[in-house]
Amino acid sequence: MGEYETIRIQQNEANKGIFILELNRPESLNAMNTQMGKELIQSLTELAYNKEIRVLIVTGSGDRGFCVGADLKERNGMSKDEWKKQHDIFERASELLREFPYPVIAALNGYALGGGLELALGCDMRIAANHAKLGLPEAKVGLIPGIGGTQLLPRTIPVGLAKEMLYRGSHISAERALQLGLVNAICDKEELLDTALEIARDIAKNAPLSLKAIKQAVNQGLQTDIHTALTIELSHYYTCANSEDRLEGIRAFNEKREPNWQGK
């Protein structure tokens, strides 16, 4: 992996196949600046081609903020062209996160606001510390979400509730986010990473081709009608059914042992 200034990548040695990407600008509650955007693009590209990865956990440094969106201090005084160039970087970073081939878990260790919540929405699931606050406050500064918020939020929670969050621009608590289905679970901040790792371990022990196929089938199927979606599912089903790992899975089941997945 490359060397980075604003993020940290670590492979969890005790948990094979699990990598952790940590946003690392704690002095600014892990706000995204241009450098972070560029480093997210580079690191997510590298991780997507890593043959060892099965699950990616994304979190923030410290216990106060997951990410509070774009660094408005850096943006202060930017020309329109500079703003557009930066936003193009943020768009690409968020796209790579949404389209990451393996499951991604967001571990929200504090404020997840604006672009920070949009990054979390681009993950497959979200775990939040009890003290976390979530929101899309762009309307308060004359903007709207620009890296997926207006589209991903109403695909995650009921449309009327999504619109309320967007219109009001206010923060909601982790408990309220759990009630809405915006997060999968909440826990004490000291248990956040362990909770994410527990889920990641259950995922990582399964067949890598199955994990990739499930993610693609769900994401692609949600964008179309049910008949087309079932055709998409069958295409991915037969990819797995014709794989060497499917044969290994059956053998391992009958021999009462753990499967040795090859990703083929």
C-alpha atoms as a PDB file:
ATOM      1  CA  MET A   1       0.000   0.000   0.000  1.00  0.00           C
ATOM      2  CA  GLY A   2       1.089   3.572  -0.642  1.00  0.00           C
ATOM      3  CA  GLU A   3       2.086   6.152   1.945  1.00  0.00           C
ATOM      4  CA  TYR A   4      -0.631   8.653   2.865  1.00  0.00           C
ATOM      5  CA  GLU A   5      -0.900  11.911   4.805  1.00  0.00           C
ATOM      6  CA  THR A   6      -4.633  12.020   5.551  1.00  0.00           C
ATOM      7  CA  ILE A   7      -5.670   8.372   5.791  1.00  0.00           C
ATOM      8  CA  ARG A   8      -4.302   5.202   7.345  1.00  0.00           C
ATOM      9  CA  ILE A   9      -4.693   1.678   5.992  1.00  0.00           C
ATOM     10  CA  GLN A  10      -4.113  -1.403   8.070  1.00  0.00           C
ATOM     11  CA  GLN A  11      -4.711  -5.075   7.505  1.00  0.00           C
ATOM     12  CA  ASN A  12      -6.169  -6.646  10.603  1.00  0.00           C
ATOM     13  CA  GLU A  13      -3.594  -9.333  11.369  1.00  0.00           C
ATOM     14  CA  ALA A  14      -5.912 -11.265  13.685  1.00  0.00           C
ATOM     15  CA  ASN A  15      -8.713 -11.304  11.130  1.00  0.00           C
ATOM     16  CA  LYS A  16      -7.748 -12.544   7.697  1.00  0.00           C
ATOM     17  CA  GLY A  17      -9.257 -10.646   4.808  1.00  0.00           C
ATOM     18  CA  ILE A  18     -10.298  -7.589   6.842  1.00  0.00           C
ATOM     19  CA  PHE A  19      -8.767  -4.192   6.076  1.00  0.00           C
ATOM     20  CA  ILE A  20      -9.407  -0.926   7.932  1.00  0.00           C
ATOM     21  CA  LEU A  21      -9.320   2.471   6.211  1.00  0.00           C
ATOM     22  CA  GLU A  22      -9.123   5.298   8.729  1.00  0.00           C
ATOM     23  CA  LEU A  23      -9.751   8.928   7.788  1.00  0.00           C
ATOM     24  CA  ASN A  24      -6.959  10.674   9.649  1.00  0.00           C
ATOM     25  CA  ARG A  25      -7.463  14.410  10.118  1.00  0.00           C
ATOM     26  CA  PRO A  26      -8.690  14.382  13.731  1.00  0.00           C
ATOM     27  CA  GLU A  27      -7.860  18.058  14.292  1.00  0.00           C
ATOM     28  CA  SER A  28     -10.635  18.931  11.815  1.00  0.00           C
ATOM     29  CA  LEU A  29     -13.000  16.078  12.738  1.00  0.00           C
ATOM     30  CA  ASN A  30     -11.680  14.257   9.665  1.00  0.00           C
ATOM     31  CA  ALA A  31     -13.049  16.841   7.241  1.00  0.00           C
ATOM     32  CA  MET A  32     -12.254  16.035   3.610  1.00  0.00           C
ATOM     33  CA  ASN A  33      -9.696  18.245   1.973  1.00  0.00           C
ATOM     34  CA  THR A  34      -8.335  17.882  -1.551  1.00  0.00           C
ATOM     35  CA  GLN A  35      -5.434  15.736  -0.375  1.00  0.00           C
ATOM     36  CA  MET A  36      -7.767  13.315   1.392  1.00  0.00           C
ATOM     37  CA  GLY A  37      -9.901  13.036  -1.729  1.00  0.00           C
ATOM     38  CA  LYS A  38      -6.862  12.181  -3.840  1.00  0.00           C
ATOM     39  CA  GLU A  39      -5.635   9.671  -1.286  1.00  0.00           C
ATOM     40  CA  LEU A  40      -9.032   8.004  -1.076  1.00  0.00           C
ATOM     41  CA  ILE A  41      -8.968   7.529  -4.847  1.00  0.00           C
ATOM     42  CA  GLN A  42      -5.488   6.021  -4.738  1.00  0.00           C
ATOM     43  CA  SER A  43      -6.078   3.779  -1.720  1.00  0.00           C
ATOM     44  CA  LEU A  44      -9.501   2.483  -2.799  1.00  0.00           C
ATOM     45  CA  THR A  45      -8.108   1.677  -6.239  1.00  0.00           C
ATOM     46  CA  GLU A  46      -5.231  -0.252  -4.700  1.00  0.00           C
ATOM     47  CA  LEU A  47      -7.479  -2.062  -2.229  1.00  0.00           C
ATOM     48  CA  ALA A  48      -9.938  -3.086  -4.945  1.00  0.00           C
ATOM     49  CA  TYR A  49      -7.144  -5.056  -6.619  1.00  0.00           C
ATOM     50  CA  ASN A  50      -5.780  -6.553  -3.404  1.00  0.00           C
ATOM     51  CA  LYS A  51      -6.276 -10.331  -3.597  1.00  0.00           C
ATOM     52  CA  GLU A  52      -6.405 -10.720   0.181  1.00  0.00           C
ATOM     53  CA  ILE A  53      -9.283  -8.357   0.950  1.00  0.00           C
ATOM     54  CA  ARG A  54     -12.768  -9.651   1.753  1.00  0.00           C
ATOM     55  CA  VAL A  55     -14.213  -6.828   3.864  1.00  0.00           C
ATOM     56  CA  LEU A  56     -13.306  -3.158   4.224  1.00  0.00           C
ATOM     57  CA  ILE A  57     -14.083  -1.174   7.379  1.00  0.00           C
ATOM     58  CA  VAL A  58     -14.068   2.623   7.006  1.00  0.00           C
ATOM     59  CA  THR A  59     -13.814   4.747  10.147  1.00  0.00           C
ATOM     60  CA  GLY A  60     -12.383   8.022  11.413  1.00  0.00           C
ATOM     61  CA  SER A  61      -9.472   8.877  13.646  1.00  0.00           C
ATOM     62  CA  GLY A  62     -10.309   9.715  17.258  1.00  0.00           C
ATOM     63  CA  ASP A  63     -13.742   9.450  18.832  1.00  0.00           C
ATOM     64  CA  ARG A  64     -15.286  12.812  17.933  1.00  0.00           C
ATOM     65  CA  GLY A  65     -15.839  12.632  14.195  1.00  0.00           C
ATOM     66  CA  PHE A  66     -16.165  10.064  11.431  1.00  0.00           C
ATOM     67  CA  CYS A  67     -16.117  12.874   8.860  1.00  0.00           C
ATOM     68  CA  VAL A  68     -17.840  16.258   8.842  1.00  0.00           C
ATOM     69  CA  GLY A  69     -17.777  16.644   5.069  1.00  0.00           C
ATOM     70  CA  ALA A  70     -15.685  19.021   2.995  1.00  0.00           C
ATOM     71  CA  ASP A  71     -13.125  21.197   4.755  1.00  0.00           C
ATOM     72  CA  LEU A  72     -14.815  24.598   4.508  1.00  0.00           C
ATOM     73  CA  LYS A  73     -11.652  26.385   5.651  1.00  0.00           C
ATOM     74  CA  GLU A  74      -9.865  25.071   2.566  1.00  0.00           C
ATOM     75  CA  ARG A  75     -12.835  25.974   0.387  1.00  0.00           C
ATOM     76  CA  ASN A  76     -12.989  29.537   1.671  1.00  0.00           C
ATOM     77  CA  GLY A  77     -11.963  31.813  -1.173  1.00  0.00           C
ATOM     78  CA  MET A  78     -11.793  29.082  -3.827  1.00  0.00           C
ATOM     79  CA  SER A  79     -12.611  30.150  -7.377  1.00  0.00           C
ATOM     80  CA  LYS A  80     -15.419  28.355  -9.200  1.00  0.00           C
ATOM     81  CA  ASP A  81     -12.882  26.399 -11.239  1.00  0.00           C
ATOM     82  CA  GLU A  82     -10.942  25.351  -8.132  1.00  0.00           C
ATOM     83  CA  TRP A  83     -14.174  24.302  -6.423  1.00  0.00           C
ATOM     84  CA  LYS A  84     -15.202  22.227  -9.468  1.00  0.00           C
ATOM     85  CA  LYS A  85     -11.821  20.510  -9.684  1.00  0.00           C
ATOM     86  CA  GLN A  86     -11.979  19.607  -6.013  1.00  0.00           C
ATOM     87  CA  HIS A  87     -15.548  18.365  -6.266  1.00  0.00           C
ATOM     88  CA  ASP A  88     -14.612  16.142  -9.209  1.00  0.00           C
ATOM     89  CA  ILE A  89     -12.056  14.498  -6.911  1.00  0.00           C
ATOM     90  CA  PHE A  90     -14.658  14.001  -4.172  1.00  0.00           C
ATOM     91  CA  GLU A  91     -17.112  12.543  -6.706  1.00  0.00           C
ATOM     92  CA  ARG A  92     -14.578   9.998  -7.908  1.00  0.00           C
ATOM     93  CA  ALA A  93     -13.612   9.013  -4.352  1.00  0.00           C
ATOM     94  CA  SER A  94     -17.245   8.463  -3.357  1.00  0.00           C
ATOM     95  CA  GLU A  95     -17.884   6.507  -6.571  1.00  0.00           C
ATOM     96  CA  LEU A  96     -14.984   4.158  -5.838  1.00  0.00           C
ATOM     97  CA  LEU A  97     -16.333   3.588  -2.333  1.00  0.00           C
ATOM     98  CA  ARG A  98     -19.866   2.850  -3.595  1.00  0.00           C
ATOM     99  CA  GLU A  99     -18.556   0.481  -6.248  1.00  0.00           C
ATOM    100  CA  PHE A 100     -15.932  -1.239  -4.103  1.00  0.00           C
ATOM    101  CA  PRO A 101     -16.111  -4.922  -5.096  1.00  0.00           C
ATOM    102  CA  TYR A 102     -16.340  -6.345  -1.580  1.00  0.00           C
ATOM    103  CA  PRO A 103     -18.587  -5.457   1.385  1.00  0.00           C
ATOM    104  CA  VAL A 104     -17.808  -2.165   3.122  1.00  0.00           C
ATOM    105  CA  ILE A 105     -18.765  -1.356   6.722  1.00  0.00           C
ATOM    106  CA  ALA A 106     -18.784   2.251   7.958  1.00  0.00           C
ATOM    107  CA  ALA A 107     -17.917   2.523  11.656  1.00  0.00           C
ATOM    108  CA  LEU A 108     -19.230   5.946  12.660  1.00  0.00           C
ATOM    109  CA  ASN A 109     -17.149   7.088  15.614  1.00  0.00           C
ATOM    110  CA  GLY A 110     -18.688  10.547  15.950  1.00  0.00           C
ATOM    111  CA  TYR A 111     -20.117  13.232  13.684  1.00  0.00           C
ATOM    112  CA  ALA A 112     -21.044  11.986  10.193  1.00  0.00           C
ATOM    113  CA  LEU A 113     -22.181  15.138   8.451  1.00  0.00           C
ATOM    114  CA  GLY A 114     -22.531  16.329   4.866  1.00  0.00           C
ATOM    115  CA  GLY A 115     -20.043  14.538   2.665  1.00  0.00           C
ATOM    116  CA  GLY A 116     -19.104  12.380   5.639  1.00  0.00           C
ATOM    117  CA  LEU A 117     -22.603  10.942   5.836  1.00  0.00           C
ATOM    118  CA  GLU A 118     -22.614  10.620   2.046  1.00  0.00           C
ATOM    119  CA  LEU A 119     -19.473   8.478   2.268  1.00  0.00           C
ATOM    120  CA  ALA A 120     -21.154   6.363   4.929  1.00  0.00           C
ATOM    121  CA  LEU A 121     -24.262   6.001   2.752  1.00  0.00           C
ATOM    122  CA  GLY A 122     -22.006   4.671  -0.001  1.00  0.00           C
ATOM    123  CA  CYS A 123     -20.982   1.805   2.278  1.00  0.00           C
ATOM    124  CA  ASP A 124     -22.985  -1.412   2.488  1.00  0.00           C
ATOM    125  CA  MET A 125     -23.798  -1.052   6.169  1.00  0.00           C
ATOM    126  CA  ARG A 126     -23.236   1.357   9.019  1.00  0.00           C
ATOM    127  CA  ILE A 127     -22.450   0.846  12.705  1.00  0.00           C
ATOM    128  CA  ALA A 128     -22.592   3.925  14.943  1.00  0.00           C
ATOM    129  CA  ALA A 129     -21.214   4.792  18.340  1.00  0.00           C
ATOM    130  CA  ASN A 130     -23.911   5.937  20.771  1.00  0.00           C
ATOM    131  CA  HIS A 131     -22.679   9.532  20.695  1.00  0.00           C
ATOM    132  CA  ALA A 132     -22.587   9.827  16.885  1.00  0.00           C
ATOM    133  CA  LYS A 133     -24.616  12.522  15.142  1.00  0.00           C
ATOM    134  CA  LEU A 134     -25.714  12.196  11.538  1.00  0.00           C
ATOM    135  CA  GLY A 135     -26.972  14.825   9.118  1.00  0.00           C
ATOM    136  CA  LEU A 136     -26.909  16.472   5.708  1.00  0.00           C
ATOM    137  CA  PRO A 137     -26.766  20.208   6.537  1.00  0.00           C
ATOM    138  CA  GLU A 138     -25.916  21.503   3.041  1.00  0.00           C
ATOM    139  CA  ALA A 139     -29.095  23.593   2.736  1.00  0.00           C
ATOM    140  CA  LYS A 140     -27.840  25.687   5.667  1.00  0.00           C
ATOM    141  CA  VAL A 141     -24.904  26.918   3.573  1.00  0.00           C
ATOM    142  CA  GLY A 142     -26.718  27.343   0.266  1.00  0.00           C
ATOM    143  CA  LEU A 143     -25.893  23.929  -1.205  1.00  0.00           C
ATOM    144  CA  ILE A 144     -27.387  20.482  -1.598  1.00  0.00           C
ATOM    145  CA  PRO A 145     -25.546  17.181  -1.147  1.00  0.00           C
ATOM    146  CA  GLY A 146     -23.314  16.574  -4.164  1.00  0.00           C
ATOM    147  CA  ILE A 147     -21.792  13.108  -3.784  1.00  0.00           C
ATOM    148  CA  GLY A 148     -24.947  11.052  -3.523  1.00  0.00           C
ATOM    149  CA  GLY A 149     -26.888  12.264  -0.507  1.00  0.00           C
ATOM    150  CA  THR A 150     -30.162  13.148  -2.251  1.00  0.00           C
ATOM    151  CA  GLN A 151     -30.177   9.746  -3.976  1.00  0.00           C
ATOM    152  CA  LEU A 152     -28.687   7.378  -1.422  1.00  0.00           C
ATOM    153  CA  LEU A 153     -30.593   8.593   1.636  1.00  0.00           C
ATOM    154  CA  PRO A 154     -34.097   7.982   0.193  1.00  0.00           C
ATOM    155  CA  ARG A 155     -32.880   4.577  -0.983  1.00  0.00           C
ATOM    156  CA  THR A 156     -31.952   3.787   2.613  1.00  0.00           C
ATOM    157  CA  ILE A 157     -34.823   5.228   4.665  1.00  0.00           C
ATOM    158  CA  PRO A 158     -38.423   6.192   3.746  1.00  0.00           C
ATOM    159  CA  VAL A 159     -38.582   9.057   1.256  1.00  0.00           C
ATOM    160  CA  GLY A 160     -40.570  11.407   3.478  1.00  0.00           C
ATOM    161  CA  LEU A 161     -38.095  11.011   6.338  1.00  0.00           C
ATOM    162  CA  ALA A 162     -35.169  11.466   3.964  1.00  0.00           C
ATOM    163  CA  LYS A 163     -36.679  14.682   2.638  1.00  0.00           C
ATOM    164  CA  GLU A 164     -37.209  15.947   6.178  1.00  0.00           C
ATOM    165  CA  MET A 165     -33.544  15.381   6.997  1.00  0.00           C
ATOM    166  CA  LEU A 166     -32.496  17.122   3.788  1.00  0.00           C
ATOM    167  CA  TYR A 167     -34.896  20.058   4.132  1.00  0.00           C
ATOM    168  CA  ARG A 168     -34.177  20.712   7.788  1.00  0.00           C
ATOM    169  CA  GLY A 169     -30.447  20.068   7.584  1.00  0.00           C
ATOM    170  CA  SER A 170     -30.423  19.142  11.249  1.00  0.00           C
ATOM    171  CA  HIS A 171     -28.533  16.387  13.040  1.00  0.00           C
ATOM    172  CA  ILE A 172     -30.128  13.183  14.284  1.00  0.00           C
ATOM    173  CA  SER A 173     -28.872  10.961  17.064  1.00  0.00           C
ATOM    174  CA  ALA A 174     -27.468   7.477  16.601  1.00  0.00           C
ATOM    175  CA  GLU A 175     -30.564   6.092  18.331  1.00  0.00           C
ATOM    176  CA  ARG A 176     -32.862   7.890  15.892  1.00  0.00           C
ATOM    177  CA  ALA A 177     -30.706   6.688  12.977  1.00  0.00           C
ATOM    178  CA  LEU A 178     -31.178   3.120  14.230  1.00  0.00           C
ATOM    179  CA  GLN A 179     -34.956   3.620  14.405  1.00  0.00           C
ATOM    180  CA  LEU A 180     -34.956   4.850  10.811  1.00  0.00           C
ATOM    181  CA  GLY A 181     -32.807   1.983   9.555  1.00  0.00           C
ATOM    182  CA  LEU A 182     -30.037   4.406   8.631  1.00  0.00           C
ATOM    183  CA  VAL A 183     -27.585   2.401  10.743  1.00  0.00           C
ATOM    184  CA  ASN A 184     -27.529  -1.340  11.378  1.00  0.00           C
ATOM    185  CA  ALA A 185     -26.517  -1.147  15.033  1.00  0.00           C
ATOM    186  CA  ILE A 186     -25.323   1.230  17.733  1.00  0.00           C
ATOM    187  CA  CYS A 187     -22.896   0.547  20.561  1.00  0.00           C
ATOM    188  CA  ASP A 188     -20.628   2.228  23.096  1.00  0.00           C
ATOM    189  CA  LYS A 189     -17.740   4.055  21.460  1.00  0.00           C
ATOM    190  CA  GLU A 190     -15.242   1.696  23.107  1.00  0.00           C
ATOM    191  CA  GLU A 191     -16.949  -1.253  21.402  1.00  0.00           C
ATOM    192  CA  LEU A 192     -17.384   0.278  17.953  1.00  0.00           C
ATOM    193  CA  LEU A 193     -14.440  -1.290  16.155  1.00  0.00           C
ATOM    194  CA  ASP A 194     -14.953  -4.650  17.862  1.00  0.00           C
ATOM    195  CA  THR A 195     -18.587  -4.631  16.755  1.00  0.00           C
ATOM    196  CA  ALA A 196     -17.600  -3.841  13.182  1.00  0.00           C
ATOM    197  CA  LEU A 197     -14.925  -6.535  13.276  1.00  0.00           C
ATOM    198  CA  GLU A 198     -17.399  -9.105  14.588  1.00  0.00           C
ATOM    199  CA  ILE A 199     -19.663  -8.482  11.602  1.00  0.00           C
ATOM    200  CA  ALA A 200     -16.677  -8.386   9.238  1.00  0.00           C
ATOM    201  CA  ARG A 201     -15.414 -11.756  10.492  1.00  0.00           C
ATOM    202  CA  ASP A 202     -18.766 -13.395   9.732  1.00  0.00           C
ATOM    203  CA  ILE A 203     -18.653 -11.927   6.228  1.00  0.00           C
ATOM    204  CA  ALA A 204     -14.978 -12.654   5.517  1.00  0.00           C
ATOM    205  CA  LYS A 205     -15.294 -16.395   6.150  1.00  0.00           C
ATOM    206  CA  ASN A 206     -17.686 -16.761   3.213  1.00  0.00           C
ATOM    207  CA  ALA A 207     -16.839 -17.362  -0.442  1.00  0.00           C
ATOM    208  CA  PRO A 208     -15.264 -14.261  -2.046  1.00  0.00           C
ATOM    209  CA  LEU A 209     -17.069 -14.790  -5.362  1.00  0.00           C
ATOM    210  CA  SER A 210     -20.359 -15.007  -3.478  1.00  0.00           C
ATOM    211  CA  LEU A 211     -19.679 -11.768  -1.622  1.00  0.00           C
ATOM    212  CA  LYS A 212     -18.915  -9.917  -4.861  1.00  0.00           C
ATOM    213  CA  ALA A 213     -21.904 -11.467  -6.645  1.00  0.00           C
ATOM    214  CA  ILE A 214     -24.339 -10.621  -3.841  1.00  0.00           C
ATOM    215  CA  LYS A 215     -23.203  -7.007  -3.767  1.00  0.00           C
ATOM    216  CA  GLN A 216     -23.513  -6.615  -7.525  1.00  0.00           C
ATOM    217  CA  ALA A 217     -26.858  -8.421  -7.718  1.00  0.00           C
ATOM    218  CA  VAL A 218     -28.416  -6.273  -4.985  1.00  0.00           C
ATOM    219  CA  ASN A 219     -27.003  -2.969  -6.226  1.00  0.00           C
ATOM    220  CA  GLN A 220     -27.817  -3.615  -9.879  1.00  0.00           C
ATOM    221  CA  GLY A 221     -31.217  -5.116  -9.157  1.00  0.00           C
ATOM    222  CA  LEU A 222     -32.370  -2.146  -7.092  1.00  0.00           C
ATOM    223  CA  GLN A 223     -32.029   0.089 -10.128  1.00  0.00           C
ATOM    224  CA  THR A 224     -34.479  -1.812 -12.341  1.00  0.00           C
ATOM    225  CA  ASP A 225     -37.790  -3.713 -12.481  1.00  0.00           C
ATOM    226  CA  ILE A 226     -38.261  -7.051 -10.726  1.00  0.00           C
ATOM    227  CA  HIS A 227     -38.109  -9.167 -13.914  1.00  0.00           C
ATOM    228  CA  THR A 228     -34.829  -7.622 -15.022  1.00  0.00           C
ATOM    229  CA  ALA A 229     -33.546  -7.836 -11.453  1.00  0.00           C
ATOM    230  CA  LEU A 230     -34.229 -11.580 -11.305  1.00  0.00           C
ATOM    231  CA  THR A 231     -32.367 -12.032 -14.577  1.00  0.00           C
ATOM    232  CA  ILE A 232     -29.432 -10.151 -13.040  1.00  0.00           C
ATOM    233  CA  GLU A 233     -29.586 -12.433 -10.008  1.00  0.00           C
ATOM    234  CA  LEU A 234     -29.550 -15.579 -12.163  1.00  0.00           C
ATOM    235  CA  SER A 235     -26.528 -14.330 -14.088  1.00  0.00           C
ATOM    236  CA  HIS A 236     -24.583 -13.927 -10.849  1.00  0.00           C
ATOM    237  CA  TYR A 237     -25.979 -17.209  -9.506  1.00  0.00           C
ATOM    238  CA  TYR A 238     -24.566 -19.192 -12.412  1.00  0.00           C
ATOM    239  CA  THR A 239     -21.224 -17.427 -12.124  1.00  0.00           C
ATOM    240  CA  CYS A 240     -21.005 -18.846  -8.607  1.00  0.00           C
ATOM    241  CA  ALA A 241     -22.580 -22.206  -9.514  1.00  0.00           C
ATOM    242  CA  ASN A 242     -19.922 -22.786 -12.178  1.00  0.00           C
ATOM    243  CA  SER A 243     -17.028 -21.822  -9.916  1.00  0.00           C
ATOM    244  CA  GLU A 244     -14.375 -23.983  -8.291  1.00  0.00           C
ATOM    245  CA  ASP A 245     -15.302 -22.464  -4.940  1.00  0.00           C
ATOM    246  CA  ARG A 246     -18.823 -23.860  -5.208  1.00  0.00           C
ATOM    247  CA  LEU A 247     -17.344 -27.379  -5.504  1.00  0.00           C
ATOM    248  CA  GLU A 248     -15.020 -26.654  -2.584  1.00  0.00           C
ATOM    249  CA  GLY A 249     -17.945 -25.392  -0.490  1.00  0.00           C
ATOM    250  CA  ILE A 250     -19.879 -28.619  -1.037  1.00  0.00           C
ATOM    251  CA  ARG A 251     -16.816 -30.748  -0.248  1.00  0.00           C
ATOM    252  CA  ALA A 252     -16.068 -28.806   2.915  1.00  0.00           C
ATOM    253  CA  PHE A 253     -19.683 -29.106   4.086  1.00  0.00           C
ATOM    254  CA  ASN A 254     -19.703 -32.892   3.621  1.00  0.00           C
ATOM    255  CA  GLU A 255     -16.246 -33.285   5.170  1.00  0.00           C
ATOM    256  CA  LYS A 256     -17.244 -31.084   8.131  1.00  0.00           C
ATOM    257  CA  ARG A 257     -14.318 -28.667   7.732  1.00  0.00           C
ATOM    258  CA  GLU A 258     -13.729 -25.037   6.910  1.00  0.00           C
ATOM    259  CA  PRO A 259     -13.609 -24.351   3.141  1.00  0.00           C
ATOM    260  CA  ASN A 260     -10.398 -23.250   1.475  1.00  0.00           C
ATOM    261  CA  TRP A 261     -11.642 -20.549  -0.873  1.00  0.00           C
ATOM    262  CA  GLN A 262      -9.623 -19.704  -3.980  1.00  0.00           C
ATOM    263  CA  GLY A 263     -11.834 -16.996  -5.425  1.00  0.00           C
ATOM    264  CA  LYS A 264     -12.178 -18.985  -8.649  1.00  0.00           C
END
